Amino acid sequence: MKPILYIVIPCYNEEKALPVTAPMFLEKLDMLIRDGRISEKSRIMFVDDGSKDDTWNIISGLSGQDEHYIGIRQSRNRGHQNAVLAGLMEAKELCDITISIDCDGQDDINAMDKMVDEYLGGCEIVYGVRNNRDTDTFFKRFSAESYYRFLRALGVEAVFNHADYRLVSSRVLKEFADFKEVNIFLRGLFPLVGFKSTSVYYERHERLAGESHYPLVKMLALAFEGITSLSVKPIHLITGLGCFIALLSFVGVIWSVSVSLLGKAVAGWSSMTCIICFIGGIQLICLGILGEYIGKIYLEVKHRPRYIISERTYEDEDKRRDTV
């Protein structure tokens, strides 16, 4: 039996991009259906992440034009990761496989063919991985690649150069639903679920329309989220750093006492100030990292919902069918 595919697309203020990219996604879905790879019941699910522009009206209009378009709307903006999660959790009972992809058209939609083929070949998770970063600036390329290496050094099982373009089966999603943490970093969580997986490589393009809604500040926040939500090694590093500084301080005490007993002590305001500032700075950094982890514990114990869906386009369709 042909698998039902749901393409999950998070959208935030994408009124300029949607009219350009939505037909591309529909064309790709139709092609996969014609080729016999997926079922005719497959859908394109847009997830409006509390947009402030005309995004939701466009999604509603698309769903009225073609039955393959459906949409859900969050009650407010909750961030990219929660928007993707909302779509995946909504789709897991409606389909056999999902493919999450951004709305901007930068990720090569033709990689979906290979993703579906890999699923049909037995893989439950297929990661879309960039084969190069030629379209990025030097700073972004260097910082991104350094970040992935840093994640690996901290023990995080993240796929190198993979973002949130991936195929995931409903079987995996049902197991993933048991991951209840509020602080989510999807590209690091899915490898923890297990199951057979592989990667598909593609070339990333420039954004087709609109502007990026992921500035440097948000990218840094997501990067820090990935580190602190998936690894406790920073705390271990703090412990090691504390022991190292304590050892240096002990050596410094012995040295200062020895110099004093030999009568060679010289009052040095500069050296004392540098030592105090150095140790004080290290203490503040350590307290800040510990505070981040404590803050995450605080958010987790509240167990607030990660997303709230306020509207669904297909609920309206079901009501119309019931009245006919």
Protein backbone atom coordinates (compact mmCIF):
# COMPACT_ATOMS: atom_id res chain seq x y z
CA MET A 1 0.00 0.00 0.00
CA LYS A 2 1.28 3.46 -0.89
CA PRO A 3 2.30 5.57 2.14
CA ILE A 4 0.44 8.78 2.99
CA LEU A 5 2.86 11.71 3.09
CA TYR A 6 2.32 14.98 4.95
CA ILE A 7 4.72 17.80 4.09
CA VAL A 8 4.90 19.95 7.24
CA ILE A 9 5.84 23.59 6.57
CA PRO A 10 6.23 26.11 9.44
CA CYS A 11 5.31 29.67 8.45
CA TYR A 12 5.87 32.96 10.22
CA ASN A 13 5.04 36.19 8.37
CA GLU A 14 5.47 34.50 4.99
CA GLU A 15 2.86 36.39 2.96
CA LYS A 16 5.47 37.13 0.29
CA ALA A 17 6.96 33.64 0.13
CA LEU A 18 3.80 31.51 0.23
CA PRO A 19 2.39 32.52 -3.20
CA VAL A 20 5.76 31.59 -4.73
CA THR A 21 6.62 28.38 -2.87
CA ALA A 22 3.17 26.83 -2.26
CA PRO A 23 2.69 25.90 -5.97
CA MET A 24 6.18 24.36 -5.95
CA PHE A 25 5.29 22.10 -3.02
CA LEU A 26 2.00 21.12 -4.67
CA GLU A 27 3.75 20.31 -7.94
CA LYS A 28 6.24 18.11 -6.10
CA LEU A 29 3.43 16.35 -4.20
CA ASP A 30 1.52 15.73 -7.43
CA MET A 31 4.64 14.34 -9.08
CA LEU A 32 5.25 11.90 -6.21
CA ILE A 33 1.61 10.80 -6.45
CA ARG A 34 1.81 10.32 -10.25
CA ASP A 35 5.02 8.32 -9.89
CA GLY A 36 3.22 5.95 -7.55
CA ARG A 37 5.54 6.66 -4.61
CA ILE A 38 2.85 8.02 -2.25
CA SER A 39 -0.91 7.92 -1.77
CA GLU A 40 -3.38 10.42 -3.22
CA LYS A 41 -4.41 11.14 0.38
CA SER A 42 -1.09 12.91 0.93
CA ARG A 43 -1.26 16.55 2.01
CA ILE A 44 0.74 19.77 2.43
CA MET A 45 0.27 21.03 5.99
CA PHE A 46 1.16 24.68 6.66
CA VAL A 47 1.72 25.62 10.31
CA ASP A 48 1.10 29.32 10.95
CA ASP A 49 3.27 30.25 13.93
CA GLY A 50 1.15 33.20 15.06
CA SER A 51 1.96 35.37 12.04
CA LYS A 52 1.15 39.08 12.20
CA ASP A 53 0.66 39.53 8.46
CA ASP A 54 -1.71 37.90 5.96
CA THR A 55 -0.12 34.44 6.17
CA TRP A 56 -3.13 32.67 7.70
CA ASN A 57 -5.56 34.15 5.18
CA ILE A 58 -3.33 32.93 2.36
CA ILE A 59 -3.19 29.44 3.89
CA SER A 60 -6.98 29.41 4.26
CA GLY A 61 -7.34 30.52 0.65
CA LEU A 62 -5.00 27.79 -0.58
CA SER A 63 -6.93 25.13 1.33
CA GLY A 64 -10.09 26.27 -0.44
CA GLN A 65 -8.41 26.02 -3.86
CA ASP A 66 -7.02 22.50 -3.57
CA GLU A 67 -7.79 19.68 -1.13
CA HIS A 68 -4.08 18.83 -0.87
CA TYR A 69 -3.47 22.09 1.03
CA ILE A 70 -4.38 22.10 4.72
CA GLY A 71 -3.29 24.35 7.56
CA ILE A 72 -3.19 24.76 11.32
CA ARG A 73 -2.69 27.95 13.25
CA GLN A 74 -1.00 28.41 16.60
CA SER A 75 -2.66 30.65 19.18
CA ARG A 76 0.48 32.80 19.31
CA ASN A 77 4.06 32.82 18.10
CA ARG A 78 6.00 30.08 19.87
CA GLY A 79 9.09 29.78 17.72
CA HIS A 80 10.24 27.69 14.78
CA GLN A 81 10.95 24.49 16.71
CA ASN A 82 7.55 24.45 18.40
CA ALA A 83 5.85 25.18 15.08
CA VAL A 84 7.55 22.17 13.46
CA LEU A 85 6.69 20.05 16.49
CA ALA A 86 3.03 21.11 16.34
CA GLY A 87 2.78 20.07 12.70
CA LEU A 88 4.49 16.74 13.28
CA MET A 89 2.35 15.85 16.28
CA GLU A 90 -0.80 16.88 14.40
CA ALA A 91 0.17 14.79 11.37
CA LYS A 92 1.37 11.63 13.09
CA GLU A 93 -2.12 10.10 13.32
CA LEU A 94 -3.09 11.15 9.79
CA CYS A 95 -0.22 9.82 7.72
CA ASP A 96 2.55 7.26 7.38
CA ILE A 97 5.45 9.66 6.82
CA THR A 98 6.15 13.37 7.25
CA ILE A 99 8.70 15.65 5.65
CA SER A 100 9.39 18.92 7.46
CA ILE A 101 10.77 21.77 5.36
CA ASP A 102 10.93 25.56 5.63
CA CYS A 103 8.62 27.77 3.60
CA ASP A 104 11.30 29.94 1.98
CA GLY A 105 12.24 27.52 -0.82
CA GLN A 106 15.92 27.38 0.11
CA ASP A 107 15.93 23.63 0.68
CA ASP A 108 15.88 21.60 -2.53
CA ILE A 109 12.42 20.01 -2.76
CA ASN A 110 13.72 17.47 -5.29
CA ALA A 111 15.53 15.75 -2.42
CA MET A 112 12.09 14.54 -1.31
CA ASP A 113 12.18 11.91 -4.06
CA LYS A 114 15.27 10.30 -2.58
CA MET A 115 13.86 10.65 0.95
CA VAL A 116 10.72 8.74 0.04
CA ASP A 117 12.78 6.10 -1.79
CA GLU A 118 14.95 5.63 1.31
CA TYR A 119 11.81 5.21 3.42
CA LEU A 120 10.44 2.63 1.01
CA GLY A 121 13.82 0.93 1.32
CA GLY A 122 13.38 0.56 5.09
CA CYS A 123 14.63 3.79 6.70
CA GLU A 124 12.40 5.39 9.34
CA ILE A 125 14.30 8.73 9.47
CA VAL A 126 15.98 10.42 6.50
CA TYR A 127 18.00 13.57 7.20
CA GLY A 128 18.36 16.27 4.58
CA VAL A 129 22.00 17.36 4.72
CA ARG A 130 23.61 20.27 2.90
CA ASN A 131 26.48 19.11 0.70
CA ASN A 132 28.15 22.53 0.92
CA ARG A 133 27.72 26.03 2.34
CA ASP A 134 28.86 28.03 -0.68
CA THR A 135 25.83 30.35 -0.43
CA ASP A 136 26.71 31.36 3.14
CA THR A 137 29.01 34.17 4.18
CA PHE A 138 32.39 33.20 5.61
CA PHE A 139 31.26 34.09 9.12
CA LYS A 140 28.07 32.03 8.93
CA ARG A 141 29.83 29.06 7.35
CA PHE A 142 32.66 29.11 9.90
CA SER A 143 30.37 29.61 12.91
CA ALA A 144 27.88 26.94 11.79
CA GLU A 145 30.50 24.28 11.12
CA SER A 146 32.32 25.13 14.35
CA TYR A 147 29.03 24.82 16.22
CA TYR A 148 28.32 21.32 14.88
CA ARG A 149 31.83 20.24 15.84
CA PHE A 150 31.32 21.74 19.29
CA LEU A 151 28.05 19.83 19.69
CA ARG A 152 29.81 16.59 18.84
CA ALA A 153 32.55 17.39 21.34
CA LEU A 154 29.86 17.80 24.01
CA GLY A 155 28.38 14.42 23.17
CA VAL A 156 25.31 15.65 21.26
CA GLU A 157 24.26 13.28 18.46
CA ALA A 158 23.57 15.93 15.83
CA VAL A 159 23.92 15.25 12.09
CA PHE A 160 26.55 17.55 10.61
CA ASN A 161 25.07 20.34 8.41
CA HIS A 162 21.51 19.14 8.99
CA ALA A 163 18.81 21.60 10.00
CA ASP A 164 15.09 20.67 10.07
CA TYR A 165 14.63 19.22 6.59
CA ARG A 166 13.92 15.55 7.29
CA LEU A 167 11.60 12.64 6.65
CA VAL A 168 10.20 10.96 9.76
CA SER A 169 7.80 8.01 9.83
CA SER A 170 4.67 8.03 11.96
CA ARG A 171 6.16 5.09 13.87
CA VAL A 172 9.05 7.28 14.99
CA LEU A 173 6.75 10.21 15.75
CA LYS A 174 4.61 8.08 18.06
CA GLU A 175 7.72 7.22 20.06
CA PHE A 176 8.96 10.81 19.85
CA ALA A 177 5.71 11.99 21.46
CA ASP A 178 7.05 10.57 24.74
CA PHE A 179 9.80 13.21 24.73
CA LYS A 180 8.01 15.77 26.90
CA GLU A 181 10.68 18.43 27.40
CA VAL A 182 9.70 22.05 26.88
CA ASN A 183 13.15 23.14 25.74
CA ILE A 184 13.37 21.37 22.39
CA PHE A 185 16.12 21.14 19.80
CA LEU A 186 14.68 18.80 17.19
CA ARG A 187 17.83 18.16 15.19
CA GLY A 188 19.45 16.79 18.34
CA LEU A 189 16.42 14.91 19.68
CA PHE A 190 15.52 12.74 16.70
CA PRO A 191 18.84 10.85 16.72
CA LEU A 192 18.03 9.90 20.33
CA VAL A 193 14.85 8.09 19.25
CA GLY A 194 16.83 5.55 17.28
CA PHE A 195 15.43 3.45 14.40
CA LYS A 196 17.13 2.98 11.05
CA SER A 197 18.21 6.28 9.51
CA THR A 198 20.22 7.67 6.63
CA SER A 199 21.05 11.01 5.00
CA VAL A 200 20.22 12.60 1.65
CA TYR A 201 22.51 15.36 0.39
CA TYR A 202 21.32 18.43 -1.46
CA GLU A 203 22.37 21.94 -2.43
CA ARG A 204 20.74 24.83 -0.61
CA HIS A 205 19.62 27.88 -2.59
CA GLU A 206 18.90 31.52 -1.86
CA ARG A 207 15.52 32.45 -0.39
CA LEU A 208 12.98 32.77 -3.22
CA ALA A 209 10.87 35.55 -1.69
CA GLY A 210 10.44 37.57 1.48
CA GLU A 211 13.00 38.10 4.21
CA SER A 212 14.59 35.78 6.72
CA HIS A 213 12.90 35.71 10.12
CA TYR A 214 15.87 34.04 11.76
CA PRO A 215 18.40 36.79 12.57
CA LEU A 216 21.72 36.22 14.31
CA VAL A 217 20.20 36.66 17.78
CA LYS A 218 17.66 33.88 17.20
CA MET A 219 20.31 31.65 15.67
CA LEU A 220 22.52 32.10 18.72
CA ALA A 221 19.57 31.40 21.02
CA LEU A 222 18.79 28.18 19.14
CA ALA A 223 22.45 27.19 19.25
CA PHE A 224 22.61 27.70 23.02
CA GLU A 225 19.32 25.84 23.37
CA GLY A 226 20.82 22.87 21.60
CA ILE A 227 23.84 22.79 23.90
CA THR A 228 22.04 23.19 27.22
CA SER A 229 19.04 20.99 26.43
CA LEU A 230 21.05 17.99 25.23
CA SER A 231 24.31 18.03 27.16
CA VAL A 232 25.48 18.45 30.76
CA LYS A 233 29.13 18.62 29.76
CA PRO A 234 29.29 22.41 30.32
CA ILE A 235 28.66 21.69 34.01
CA HIS A 236 31.44 19.11 33.97
CA LEU A 237 33.71 21.69 32.31
CA ILE A 238 32.87 24.14 35.08
CA THR A 239 33.87 21.57 37.67
CA GLY A 240 37.16 20.92 35.87
CA LEU A 241 37.82 24.64 35.48
CA GLY A 242 37.09 25.19 39.16
CA CYS A 243 39.56 22.47 40.15
CA PHE A 244 42.21 23.92 37.82
CA ILE A 245 41.82 27.44 39.21
CA ALA A 246 41.83 26.07 42.77
CA LEU A 247 45.11 24.31 42.00
CA LEU A 248 46.62 27.50 40.57
CA SER A 249 45.41 29.43 43.60
CA PHE A 250 47.01 26.88 45.94
CA VAL A 251 50.31 27.16 44.05
CA GLY A 252 49.99 30.94 44.22
CA VAL A 253 49.51 30.84 47.98
CA ILE A 254 52.62 28.67 48.44
CA TRP A 255 54.60 30.99 46.16
CA SER A 256 53.49 34.14 47.99
CA VAL A 257 54.27 32.64 51.42
CA SER A 258 57.70 31.49 50.23
CA VAL A 259 58.54 34.92 48.80
CA SER A 260 57.37 36.58 52.00
CA LEU A 261 59.54 34.33 54.18
CA LEU A 262 62.55 35.07 51.99
CA GLY A 263 61.95 38.78 52.42
CA LYS A 264 61.53 39.44 48.69
CA ALA A 265 57.87 40.42 48.73
CA VAL A 266 57.02 43.50 46.67
CA ALA A 267 53.63 45.17 46.92
CA GLY A 268 51.93 44.86 43.53
CA TRP A 269 48.53 46.42 43.06
CA SER A 270 48.32 45.51 39.37
CA SER A 271 48.99 41.80 39.84
CA MET A 272 46.49 41.56 42.68
CA THR A 273 43.81 43.38 40.67
CA CYS A 274 44.33 41.11 37.65
CA ILE A 275 44.01 38.00 39.79
CA ILE A 276 40.84 39.24 41.46
CA CYS A 277 39.24 40.26 38.15
CA PHE A 278 40.17 36.93 36.53
CA ILE A 279 38.74 34.80 39.31
CA GLY A 280 35.67 37.04 39.59
CA GLY A 281 35.02 36.77 35.86
CA ILE A 282 35.34 32.98 35.95
CA GLN A 283 32.91 32.80 38.86
CA LEU A 284 30.33 34.92 37.06
CA ILE A 285 30.58 32.79 33.92
CA CYS A 286 30.15 29.62 35.96
CA LEU A 287 27.18 31.06 37.83
CA GLY A 288 25.63 32.12 34.51
CA ILE A 289 25.90 28.64 33.01
CA LEU A 290 24.53 27.04 36.17
CA GLY A 291 21.71 29.59 36.12
CA GLU A 292 20.79 28.62 32.57
CA TYR A 293 20.40 25.00 33.58
CA ILE A 294 18.40 25.92 36.68
CA GLY A 295 16.18 28.13 34.53
CA LYS A 296 15.50 25.23 32.19
CA ILE A 297 14.63 23.01 35.14
CA TYR A 298 12.20 25.73 36.25
CA LEU A 299 10.51 25.76 32.84
CA GLU A 300 10.40 21.96 32.61
CA VAL A 301 8.73 21.41 36.00
CA LYS A 302 5.94 23.81 35.03
CA HIS A 303 5.14 21.46 32.13
CA ARG A 304 3.37 24.14 30.12
CA PRO A 305 2.04 23.18 26.66
CA ARG A 306 4.63 23.54 23.90
CA TYR A 307 2.01 24.64 21.39
CA ILE A 308 -1.69 25.45 21.24
CA ILE A 309 -3.56 25.06 17.96
CA SER A 310 -6.31 27.65 17.65
CA GLU A 311 -7.60 26.91 14.11
CA ARG A 312 -7.57 24.15 11.52
CA THR A 313 -8.62 24.54 7.92
CA TYR A 314 -9.71 20.91 7.60
CA GLU A 315 -12.11 21.19 10.54
CA ASP A 316 -14.10 23.64 8.42
CA GLU A 317 -14.00 21.19 5.49
CA ASP A 318 -15.37 18.38 7.68
CA LYS A 319 -18.21 20.60 8.88
CA ARG A 320 -19.10 21.53 5.29
CA ARG A 321 -19.15 17.87 4.28
CA ASP A 322 -21.44 17.03 7.22
CA THR A 323 -23.92 19.67 6.16
CA VAL A 324 -24.02 18.57 2.50
